[in-house]
Amino acid sequence: KYLPALSVTAVYPNTGPVRGGTPAIVLGEGFDPAFVYACRFQTGKGSTPQEVGATVLNASGLACDVPPHPLYTEGDASKFPGGSVTVEVTRAADGAVSMLGP
């Protein structure tokens, strides 16, 4: 089967709590419900990406739940002044990756 190119253009919402759990909508192109996708969230250079499964909404949208920040301790958000997160979408069938980040 033909696999269209992946493209990620936006992620909504663009903010959320460090405890995670926020449903995120990833907009782009090339999403097909016949294939398996994942979202990877990386909080900074050198940090380990956290991967979660993604649900195809349609050809231009995925949904995935944002994982907790890797340094988050339950009930303590005081050490997180904010920052940026890189989001990658991967397709298992061919290893395609598209990224959106700073």
PDB file of N, CA and C in Angstrom:
ATOM      1  N   LYS A   1       0.843  -1.184   0.000  1.00  0.00           N
ATOM      2  CA  LYS A   1       0.000   0.000   0.000  1.00  0.00           C
ATOM      3  C   LYS A   1       0.881   1.237   0.000  1.00  0.00           C
ATOM      4  N   TYR A   2       0.467   2.247  -0.743  1.00  0.00           N
ATOM      5  CA  TYR A   2       1.178   3.518  -0.806  1.00  0.00           C
ATOM      6  C   TYR A   2       1.128   4.222   0.545  1.00  0.00           C
ATOM      7  N   LEU A   3       2.271   4.709   1.005  1.00  0.00           N
ATOM      8  CA  LEU A   3       2.344   5.438   2.277  1.00  0.00           C
ATOM      9  C   LEU A   3       2.631   6.906   1.986  1.00  0.00           C
ATOM     10  N   PRO A   4       1.665   7.774   2.256  1.00  0.00           N
ATOM     11  CA  PRO A   4       1.901   9.197   2.016  1.00  0.00           C
ATOM     12  C   PRO A   4       2.943   9.747   2.985  1.00  0.00           C
ATOM     13  N   ALA A   5       3.585  10.832   2.587  1.00  0.00           N
ATOM     14  CA  ALA A   5       4.567  11.480   3.455  1.00  0.00           C
ATOM     15  C   ALA A   5       3.878  12.012   4.710  1.00  0.00           C
ATOM     16  N   LEU A   6       4.559  11.901   5.845  1.00  0.00           N
ATOM     17  CA  LEU A   6       4.043  12.463   7.099  1.00  0.00           C
ATOM     18  C   LEU A   6       4.439  13.920   7.209  1.00  0.00           C
ATOM     19  N   SER A   7       3.540  14.705   7.756  1.00  0.00           N
ATOM     20  CA  SER A   7       3.822  16.108   8.010  1.00  0.00           C
ATOM     21  C   SER A   7       3.070  16.534   9.255  1.00  0.00           C
ATOM     22  N   VAL A   8       3.777  17.090  10.237  1.00  0.00           N
ATOM     23  CA  VAL A   8       3.149  17.634  11.441  1.00  0.00           C
ATOM     24  C   VAL A   8       3.247  19.152  11.358  1.00  0.00           C
ATOM     25  N   THR A   9       2.093  19.827  11.485  1.00  0.00           N
ATOM     26  CA  THR A   9       2.077  21.287  11.342  1.00  0.00           C
ATOM     27  C   THR A   9       1.708  22.027  12.620  1.00  0.00           C
ATOM     28  N   ALA A  10       1.006  21.363  13.551  1.00  0.00           N
ATOM     29  CA  ALA A  10       0.591  22.036  14.784  1.00  0.00           C
ATOM     30  C   ALA A  10       0.189  21.008  15.832  1.00  0.00           C
ATOM     31  N   VAL A  11       0.293  21.416  17.101  1.00  0.00           N
ATOM     32  CA  VAL A  11      -0.162  20.592  18.223  1.00  0.00           C
ATOM     33  C   VAL A  11      -0.993  21.491  19.130  1.00  0.00           C
ATOM     34  N   TYR A  12      -2.196  21.020  19.490  1.00  0.00           N
ATOM     35  CA  TYR A  12      -3.094  21.772  20.370  1.00  0.00           C
ATOM     36  C   TYR A  12      -3.519  20.911  21.535  1.00  0.00           C
ATOM     37  N   PRO A  13      -3.583  21.408  22.745  1.00  0.00           N
ATOM     38  CA  PRO A  13      -3.201  22.771  23.114  1.00  0.00           C
ATOM     39  C   PRO A  13      -1.673  22.894  23.123  1.00  0.00           C
ATOM     40  N   ASN A  14      -1.192  24.122  23.180  1.00  0.00           N
ATOM     41  CA  ASN A  14       0.253  24.331  23.190  1.00  0.00           C
ATOM     42  C   ASN A  14       0.807  24.533  24.597  1.00  0.00           C
ATOM     43  N   THR A  15      -0.022  24.338  25.612  1.00  0.00           N
ATOM     44  CA  THR A  15       0.427  24.356  27.004  1.00  0.00           C
ATOM     45  C   THR A  15      -0.339  23.276  27.765  1.00  0.00           C
ATOM     46  N   GLY A  16       0.196  22.905  28.916  1.00  0.00           N
ATOM     47  CA  GLY A  16      -0.485  21.915  29.738  1.00  0.00           C
ATOM     48  C   GLY A  16       0.249  21.701  31.042  1.00  0.00           C
ATOM     49  N   PRO A  17      -0.377  20.984  31.956  1.00  0.00           N
ATOM     50  CA  PRO A  17       0.245  20.742  33.257  1.00  0.00           C
ATOM     51  C   PRO A  17       1.408  19.749  33.161  1.00  0.00           C
ATOM     52  N   VAL A  18       2.401  19.888  34.047  1.00  0.00           N
ATOM     53  CA  VAL A  18       3.555  18.983  34.041  1.00  0.00           C
ATOM     54  C   VAL A  18       3.169  17.567  34.460  1.00  0.00           C
ATOM     55  N   ARG A  19       2.019  17.409  35.081  1.00  0.00           N
ATOM     56  CA  ARG A  19       1.583  16.068  35.487  1.00  0.00           C
ATOM     57  C   ARG A  19       1.097  15.241  34.290  1.00  0.00           C
ATOM     58  N   GLY A  20       0.961  15.892  33.108  1.00  0.00           N
ATOM     59  CA  GLY A  20       0.526  15.185  31.907  1.00  0.00           C
ATOM     60  C   GLY A  20      -0.961  14.908  31.916  1.00  0.00           C
ATOM     61  N   GLY A  21      -1.373  13.997  31.045  1.00  0.00           N
ATOM     62  CA  GLY A  21      -2.767  13.610  30.964  1.00  0.00           C
ATOM     63  C   GLY A  21      -3.615  14.468  30.052  1.00  0.00           C
ATOM     64  N   THR A  22      -3.043  15.525  29.503  1.00  0.00           N
ATOM     65  CA  THR A  22      -3.793  16.400  28.608  1.00  0.00           C
ATOM     66  C   THR A  22      -3.948  15.732  27.247  1.00  0.00           C
ATOM     67  N   PRO A  23      -5.181  15.623  26.742  1.00  0.00           N
ATOM     68  CA  PRO A  23      -5.345  15.114  25.375  1.00  0.00           C
ATOM     69  C   PRO A  23      -4.798  16.147  24.388  1.00  0.00           C
ATOM     70  N   ALA A  24      -3.943  15.717  23.497  1.00  0.00           N
ATOM     71  CA  ALA A  24      -3.367  16.603  22.492  1.00  0.00           C
ATOM     72  C   ALA A  24      -3.868  16.209  21.115  1.00  0.00           C
ATOM     73  N   ILE A  25      -4.134  17.198  20.295  1.00  0.00           N
ATOM     74  CA  ILE A  25      -4.510  16.979  18.906  1.00  0.00           C
ATOM     75  C   ILE A  25      -3.318  17.400  18.056  1.00  0.00           C
ATOM     76  N   VAL A  26      -2.845  16.493  17.231  1.00  0.00           N
ATOM     77  CA  VAL A  26      -1.720  16.754  16.338  1.00  0.00           C
ATOM     78  C   VAL A  26      -2.284  16.909  14.936  1.00  0.00           C
ATOM     79  N   LEU A  27      -2.043  18.069  14.332  1.00  0.00           N
ATOM     80  CA  LEU A  27      -2.512  18.330  12.976  1.00  0.00           C
ATOM     81  C   LEU A  27      -1.376  18.161  11.982  1.00  0.00           C
ATOM     82  N   GLY A  28      -1.713  17.702  10.802  1.00  0.00           N
ATOM     83  CA  GLY A  28      -0.709  17.502   9.763  1.00  0.00           C
ATOM     84  C   GLY A  28      -1.322  16.798   8.578  1.00  0.00           C
ATOM     85  N   GLU A  29      -0.513  15.978   7.916  1.00  0.00           N
ATOM     86  CA  GLU A  29      -0.967  15.252   6.736  1.00  0.00           C
ATOM     87  C   GLU A  29      -0.354  13.855   6.726  1.00  0.00           C
ATOM     88  N   GLY A  30      -1.015  12.954   6.034  1.00  0.00           N
ATOM     89  CA  GLY A  30      -0.473  11.617   5.824  1.00  0.00           C
ATOM     90  C   GLY A  30      -0.880  10.585   6.850  1.00  0.00           C
ATOM     91  N   PHE A  31      -1.908  10.870   7.646  1.00  0.00           N
ATOM     92  CA  PHE A  31      -2.348   9.920   8.663  1.00  0.00           C
ATOM     93  C   PHE A  31      -3.410   8.993   8.063  1.00  0.00           C
ATOM     94  N   ASP A  32      -3.234   7.704   8.223  1.00  0.00           N
ATOM     95  CA  ASP A  32      -4.120   6.699   7.644  1.00  0.00           C
ATOM     96  C   ASP A  32      -4.485   5.703   8.737  1.00  0.00           C
ATOM     97  N   PRO A  33      -5.776   5.473   8.988  1.00  0.00           N
ATOM     98  CA  PRO A  33      -6.178   4.582  10.087  1.00  0.00           C
ATOM     99  C   PRO A  33      -5.739   3.128   9.901  1.00  0.00           C
ATOM    100  N   ALA A  34      -5.241   2.777   8.725  1.00  0.00           N
ATOM    101  CA  ALA A  34      -4.768   1.413   8.493  1.00  0.00           C
ATOM    102  C   ALA A  34      -3.391   1.173   9.117  1.00  0.00           C
ATOM    103  N   PHE A  35      -2.755   2.227   9.630  1.00  0.00           N
ATOM    104  CA  PHE A  35      -1.411   2.105  10.177  1.00  0.00           C
ATOM    105  C   PHE A  35      -1.352   2.522  11.643  1.00  0.00           C
ATOM    106  N   VAL A  36      -0.285   2.128  12.312  1.00  0.00           N
ATOM    107  CA  VAL A  36      -0.075   2.442  13.732  1.00  0.00           C
ATOM    108  C   VAL A  36       0.855   3.657  13.834  1.00  0.00           C
ATOM    109  N   TYR A  37       0.466   4.612  14.678  1.00  0.00           N
ATOM    110  CA  TYR A  37       1.248   5.834  14.901  1.00  0.00           C
ATOM    111  C   TYR A  37       1.550   5.993  16.385  1.00  0.00           C
ATOM    112  N   ALA A  38       2.579   6.766  16.667  1.00  0.00           N
ATOM    113  CA  ALA A  38       2.920   7.109  18.041  1.00  0.00           C
ATOM    114  C   ALA A  38       3.345   8.569  18.083  1.00  0.00           C
ATOM    115  N   CYS A  39       3.158   9.190  19.242  1.00  0.00           N
ATOM    116  CA  CYS A  39       3.647  10.549  19.494  1.00  0.00           C
ATOM    117  C   CYS A  39       4.802  10.435  20.476  1.00  0.00           C
ATOM    118  N   ARG A  40       5.884  11.142  20.191  1.00  0.00           N
ATOM    119  CA  ARG A  40       7.025  11.206  21.111  1.00  0.00           C
ATOM    120  C   ARG A  40       7.162  12.637  21.581  1.00  0.00           C
ATOM    121  N   PHE A  41       7.253  12.803  22.901  1.00  0.00           N
ATOM    122  CA  PHE A  41       7.398  14.118  23.510  1.00  0.00           C
ATOM    123  C   PHE A  41       8.783  14.202  24.138  1.00  0.00           C
ATOM    124  N   GLN A  42       9.535  15.254  23.795  1.00  0.00           N
ATOM    125  CA  GLN A  42      10.870  15.445  24.365  1.00  0.00           C
ATOM    126  C   GLN A  42      10.942  16.836  24.959  1.00  0.00           C
ATOM    127  N   THR A  43      11.335  16.914  26.242  1.00  0.00           N
ATOM    128  CA  THR A  43      11.277  18.176  26.976  1.00  0.00           C
ATOM    129  C   THR A  43      12.535  19.031  26.874  1.00  0.00           C
ATOM    130  N   GLY A  44      13.584  18.556  26.298  1.00  0.00           N
ATOM    131  CA  GLY A  44      14.792  19.355  26.160  1.00  0.00           C
ATOM    132  C   GLY A  44      15.924  18.548  25.580  1.00  0.00           C
ATOM    133  N   LYS A  45      16.989  19.232  25.201  1.00  0.00           N
ATOM    134  CA  LYS A  45      18.152  18.558  24.640  1.00  0.00           C
ATOM    135  C   LYS A  45      18.710  17.554  25.639  1.00  0.00           C
ATOM    136  N   GLY A  46      18.965  16.369  25.153  1.00  0.00           N
ATOM    137  CA  GLY A  46      19.555  15.349  26.011  1.00  0.00           C
ATOM    138  C   GLY A  46      18.561  14.545  26.816  1.00  0.00           C
ATOM    139  N   SER A  47      17.295  14.969  26.851  1.00  0.00           N
ATOM    140  CA  SER A  47      16.305  14.201  27.604  1.00  0.00           C
ATOM    141  C   SER A  47      15.810  13.022  26.759  1.00  0.00           C
ATOM    142  N   THR A  48      15.326  12.013  27.420  1.00  0.00           N
ATOM    143  CA  THR A  48      14.818  10.833  26.736  1.00  0.00           C
ATOM    144  C   THR A  48      13.383  11.092  26.288  1.00  0.00           C
ATOM    145  N   PRO A  49      13.097  10.892  24.990  1.00  0.00           N
ATOM    146  CA  PRO A  49      11.717  11.091  24.535  1.00  0.00           C
ATOM    147  C   PRO A  49      10.769  10.092  25.191  1.00  0.00           C
ATOM    148  N   GLN A  50       9.551  10.545  25.448  1.00  0.00           N
ATOM    149  CA  GLN A  50       8.513   9.683  25.998  1.00  0.00           C
ATOM    150  C   GLN A  50       7.515   9.401  24.880  1.00  0.00           C
ATOM    151  N   GLU A  51       7.292   8.114  24.611  1.00  0.00           N
ATOM    152  CA  GLU A  51       6.420   7.729  23.507  1.00  0.00           C
ATOM    153  C   GLU A  51       5.076   7.236  24.016  1.00  0.00           C
ATOM    154  N   VAL A  52       4.011   7.698  23.370  1.00  0.00           N
ATOM    155  CA  VAL A  52       2.655   7.255  23.676  1.00  0.00           C
ATOM    156  C   VAL A  52       1.960   6.909  22.366  1.00  0.00           C
ATOM    157  N   GLY A  53       0.995   6.027  22.439  1.00  0.00           N
ATOM    158  CA  GLY A  53       0.224   5.664  21.262  1.00  0.00           C
ATOM    159  C   GLY A  53      -0.630   6.820  20.778  1.00  0.00           C
ATOM    160  N   ALA A  54      -0.926   6.801  19.489  1.00  0.00           N
ATOM    161  CA  ALA A  54      -1.753   7.840  18.882  1.00  0.00           C
ATOM    162  C   ALA A  54      -2.961   7.199  18.216  1.00  0.00           C
ATOM    163  N   THR A  55      -4.061   7.930  18.216  1.00  0.00           N
ATOM    164  CA  THR A  55      -5.292   7.498  17.557  1.00  0.00           C
ATOM    165  C   THR A  55      -5.513   8.377  16.337  1.00  0.00           C
ATOM    166  N   VAL A  56      -5.722   7.753  15.180  1.00  0.00           N
ATOM    167  CA  VAL A  56      -5.990   8.516  13.960  1.00  0.00           C
ATOM    168  C   VAL A  56      -7.426   9.033  14.012  1.00  0.00           C
ATOM    169  N   LEU A  57      -7.566  10.353  13.887  1.00  0.00           N
ATOM    170  CA  LEU A  57      -8.891  10.971  13.838  1.00  0.00           C
ATOM    171  C   LEU A  57      -9.386  11.063  12.395  1.00  0.00           C
ATOM    172  N   ASN A  58      -8.466  11.457  11.515  1.00  0.00           N
ATOM    173  CA  ASN A  58      -8.733  11.552  10.078  1.00  0.00           C
ATOM    174  C   ASN A  58      -7.385  11.733   9.378  1.00  0.00           C
ATOM    175  N   ALA A  59      -7.390  11.987   8.078  1.00  0.00           N
ATOM    176  CA  ALA A  59      -6.140  12.091   7.315  1.00  0.00           C
ATOM    177  C   ALA A  59      -5.248  13.244   7.762  1.00  0.00           C
ATOM    178  N   SER A  60      -5.819  14.202   8.512  1.00  0.00           N
ATOM    179  CA  SER A  60      -5.013  15.350   8.939  1.00  0.00           C
ATOM    180  C   SER A  60      -4.981  15.540  10.456  1.00  0.00           C
ATOM    181  N   GLY A  61      -5.374  14.511  11.218  1.00  0.00           N
ATOM    182  CA  GLY A  61      -5.361  14.672  12.672  1.00  0.00           C
ATOM    183  C   GLY A  61      -5.162  13.388  13.443  1.00  0.00           C
ATOM    184  N   LEU A  62      -4.371  13.500  14.515  1.00  0.00           N
ATOM    185  CA  LEU A  62      -4.142  12.411  15.469  1.00  0.00           C
ATOM    186  C   LEU A  62      -4.479  12.922  16.861  1.00  0.00           C
ATOM    187  N   ALA A  63      -4.772  12.000  17.763  1.00  0.00           N
ATOM    188  CA  ALA A  63      -4.956  12.353  19.170  1.00  0.00           C
ATOM    189  C   ALA A  63      -4.004  11.498  19.997  1.00  0.00           C
ATOM    190  N   CYS A  64      -3.379  12.101  20.996  1.00  0.00           N
ATOM    191  CA  CYS A  64      -2.525  11.357  21.921  1.00  0.00           C
ATOM    192  C   CYS A  64      -2.532  12.078  23.268  1.00  0.00           C
ATOM    193  N   ASP A  65      -2.398  11.307  24.339  1.00  0.00           N
ATOM    194  CA  ASP A  65      -2.372  11.894  25.677  1.00  0.00           C
ATOM    195  C   ASP A  65      -0.939  12.257  26.049  1.00  0.00           C
ATOM    196  N   VAL A  66      -0.741  13.493  26.467  1.00  0.00           N
ATOM    197  CA  VAL A  66       0.595  13.971  26.829  1.00  0.00           C
ATOM    198  C   VAL A  66       1.051  13.259  28.105  1.00  0.00           C
ATOM    199  N   PRO A  67       2.260  12.678  28.089  1.00  0.00           N
ATOM    200  CA  PRO A  67       2.768  12.023  29.295  1.00  0.00           C
ATOM    201  C   PRO A  67       3.244  13.054  30.319  1.00  0.00           C
ATOM    202  N   PRO A  68       3.422  12.648  31.581  1.00  0.00           N
ATOM    203  CA  PRO A  68       3.964  13.575  32.573  1.00  0.00           C
ATOM    204  C   PRO A  68       5.404  13.960  32.232  1.00  0.00           C
ATOM    205  N   HIS A  69       5.804  15.154  32.670  1.00  0.00           N
ATOM    206  CA  HIS A  69       7.205  15.563  32.509  1.00  0.00           C
ATOM    207  C   HIS A  69       8.060  14.509  33.211  1.00  0.00           C
ATOM    208  N   PRO A  70       9.199  14.113  32.612  1.00  0.00           N
ATOM    209  CA  PRO A  70       9.998  13.029  33.208  1.00  0.00           C
ATOM    210  C   PRO A  70      10.540  13.322  34.611  1.00  0.00           C
ATOM    211  N   LEU A  71      10.622  14.581  35.005  1.00  0.00           N
ATOM    212  CA  LEU A  71      11.124  14.918  36.340  1.00  0.00           C
ATOM    213  C   LEU A  71      10.010  15.246  37.330  1.00  0.00           C
ATOM    214  N   TYR A  72       8.761  15.128  36.879  1.00  0.00           N
ATOM    215  CA  TYR A  72       7.620  15.476  37.731  1.00  0.00           C
ATOM    216  C   TYR A  72       7.473  14.479  38.872  1.00  0.00           C
ATOM    217  N   THR A  73       7.307  15.012  40.081  1.00  0.00           N
ATOM    218  CA  THR A  73       6.993  14.213  41.263  1.00  0.00           C
ATOM    219  C   THR A  73       5.560  14.552  41.650  1.00  0.00           C
ATOM    220  N   GLU A  74       4.744  13.541  41.859  1.00  0.00           N
ATOM    221  CA  GLU A  74       3.327  13.760  42.167  1.00  0.00           C
ATOM    222  C   GLU A  74       3.145  14.869  43.198  1.00  0.00           C
ATOM    223  N   GLY A  75       2.354  15.871  42.829  1.00  0.00           N
ATOM    224  CA  GLY A  75       2.024  16.953  43.745  1.00  0.00           C
ATOM    225  C   GLY A  75       3.021  18.094  43.793  1.00  0.00           C
ATOM    226  N   ASP A  76       4.168  18.004  43.089  1.00  0.00           N
ATOM    227  CA  ASP A  76       5.177  19.058  43.169  1.00  0.00           C
ATOM    228  C   ASP A  76       5.496  19.583  41.777  1.00  0.00           C
ATOM    229  N   ALA A  77       4.886  20.708  41.432  1.00  0.00           N
ATOM    230  CA  ALA A  77       5.149  21.335  40.135  1.00  0.00           C
ATOM    231  C   ALA A  77       6.008  22.585  40.299  1.00  0.00           C
ATOM    232  N   SER A  78       6.553  22.819  41.485  1.00  0.00           N
ATOM    233  CA  SER A  78       7.252  24.066  41.781  1.00  0.00           C
ATOM    234  C   SER A  78       8.569  24.223  41.030  1.00  0.00           C
ATOM    235  N   LYS A  79       9.201  23.136  40.598  1.00  0.00           N
ATOM    236  CA  LYS A  79      10.510  23.250  39.960  1.00  0.00           C
ATOM    237  C   LYS A  79      10.447  23.361  38.444  1.00  0.00           C
ATOM    238  N   PHE A  80       9.282  23.639  37.891  1.00  0.00           N
ATOM    239  CA  PHE A  80       9.125  23.709  36.449  1.00  0.00           C
ATOM    240  C   PHE A  80       8.740  25.118  36.020  1.00  0.00           C
ATOM    241  N   PRO A  81       9.708  25.933  35.611  1.00  0.00           N
ATOM    242  CA  PRO A  81       9.409  27.303  35.232  1.00  0.00           C
ATOM    243  C   PRO A  81       8.773  27.416  33.849  1.00  0.00           C
ATOM    244  N   GLY A  82       8.696  26.346  33.113  1.00  0.00           N
ATOM    245  CA  GLY A  82       8.175  26.380  31.746  1.00  0.00           C
ATOM    246  C   GLY A  82       9.274  26.017  30.777  1.00  0.00           C
ATOM    247  N   GLY A  83       8.940  25.928  29.552  1.00  0.00           N
ATOM    248  CA  GLY A  83       9.915  25.566  28.535  1.00  0.00           C
ATOM    249  C   GLY A  83       9.211  25.025  27.316  1.00  0.00           C
ATOM    250  N   SER A  84       9.994  24.491  26.421  1.00  0.00           N
ATOM    251  CA  SER A  84       9.423  24.002  25.172  1.00  0.00           C
ATOM    252  C   SER A  84       9.509  22.488  25.093  1.00  0.00           C
ATOM    253  N   VAL A  85       8.658  21.924  24.269  1.00  0.00           N
ATOM    254  CA  VAL A  85       8.595  20.488  24.069  1.00  0.00           C
ATOM    255  C   VAL A  85       8.616  20.220  22.571  1.00  0.00           C
ATOM    256  N   THR A  86       9.410  19.247  22.167  1.00  0.00           N
ATOM    257  CA  THR A  86       9.419  18.796  20.783  1.00  0.00           C
ATOM    258  C   THR A  86       8.461  17.620  20.669  1.00  0.00           C
ATOM    259  N   VAL A  87       7.647  17.617  19.611  1.00  0.00           N
ATOM    260  CA  VAL A  87       6.708  16.526  19.379  1.00  0.00           C
ATOM    261  C   VAL A  87       7.047  15.880  18.045  1.00  0.00           C
ATOM    262  N   GLU A  88       7.232  14.558  18.072  1.00  0.00           N
ATOM    263  CA  GLU A  88       7.453  13.781  16.857  1.00  0.00           C
ATOM    264  C   GLU A  88       6.290  12.821  16.681  1.00  0.00           C
ATOM    265  N   VAL A  89       5.936  12.567  15.434  1.00  0.00           N
ATOM    266  CA  VAL A  89       4.971  11.528  15.114  1.00  0.00           C
ATOM    267  C   VAL A  89       5.707  10.482  14.297  1.00  0.00           C
ATOM    268  N   THR A  90       5.539   9.217  14.678  1.00  0.00           N
ATOM    269  CA  THR A  90       6.173   8.125  13.945  1.00  0.00           C
ATOM    270  C   THR A  90       5.096   7.187  13.410  1.00  0.00           C
ATOM    271  N   ARG A  91       5.409   6.562  12.267  1.00  0.00           N
ATOM    272  CA  ARG A  91       4.516   5.565  11.672  1.00  0.00           C
ATOM    273  C   ARG A  91       5.273   4.241  11.664  1.00  0.00           C
ATOM    274  N   ALA A  92       4.718   3.235  12.330  1.00  0.00           N
ATOM    275  CA  ALA A  92       5.393   1.952  12.501  1.00  0.00           C
ATOM    276  C   ALA A  92       5.666   1.236  11.175  1.00  0.00           C
ATOM    277  N   ALA A  93       4.792   1.365  10.202  1.00  0.00           N
ATOM    278  CA  ALA A  93       4.905   0.599   8.956  1.00  0.00           C
ATOM    279  C   ALA A  93       6.206   0.851   8.199  1.00  0.00           C
ATOM    280  N   ASP A  94       6.669   2.082   8.205  1.00  0.00           N
ATOM    281  CA  ASP A  94       7.870   2.399   7.428  1.00  0.00           C
ATOM    282  C   ASP A  94       8.898   3.211   8.206  1.00  0.00           C
ATOM    283  N   GLY A  95       8.633   3.472   9.491  1.00  0.00           N
ATOM    284  CA  GLY A  95       9.573   4.224  10.297  1.00  0.00           C
ATOM    285  C   GLY A  95       9.582   5.717   9.999  1.00  0.00           C
ATOM    286  N   ALA A  96       8.599   6.200   9.244  1.00  0.00           N
ATOM    287  CA  ALA A  96       8.537   7.626   8.920  1.00  0.00           C
ATOM    288  C   ALA A  96       8.390   8.442  10.201  1.00  0.00           C
ATOM    289  N   VAL A  97       9.038   9.611  10.214  1.00  0.00           N
ATOM    290  CA  VAL A  97       9.000  10.517  11.366  1.00  0.00           C
ATOM    291  C   VAL A  97       8.775  11.937  10.866  1.00  0.00           C
ATOM    292  N   SER A  98       7.917  12.673  11.547  1.00  0.00           N
ATOM    293  CA  SER A  98       7.769  14.102  11.303  1.00  0.00           C
ATOM    294  C   SER A  98       7.811  14.788  12.663  1.00  0.00           C
ATOM    295  N   MET A  99       8.490  15.928  12.739  1.00  0.00           N
ATOM    296  CA  MET A  99       8.725  16.575  14.020  1.00  0.00           C
ATOM    297  C   MET A  99       8.243  18.017  13.998  1.00  0.00           C
ATOM    298  N   LEU A 100       7.771  18.476  15.161  1.00  0.00           N
ATOM    299  CA  LEU A 100       7.418  19.866  15.362  1.00  0.00           C
ATOM    300  C   LEU A 100       8.032  20.287  16.684  1.00  0.00           C
ATOM    301  N   GLY A 101       8.844  21.320  16.671  1.00  0.00           N
ATOM    302  CA  GLY A 101       9.473  21.739  17.916  1.00  0.00           C
ATOM    303  C   GLY A 101      10.214  23.048  17.735  1.00  0.00           C
ATOM    304  N   PRO A 102      10.826  23.462  18.823  1.00  0.00           N
ATOM    305  CA  PRO A 102      11.546  24.741  18.796  1.00  0.00           C
ATOM    306  C   PRO A 102      12.791  24.676  17.936  1.00  0.00           C
TER     307      PRO A 102
END
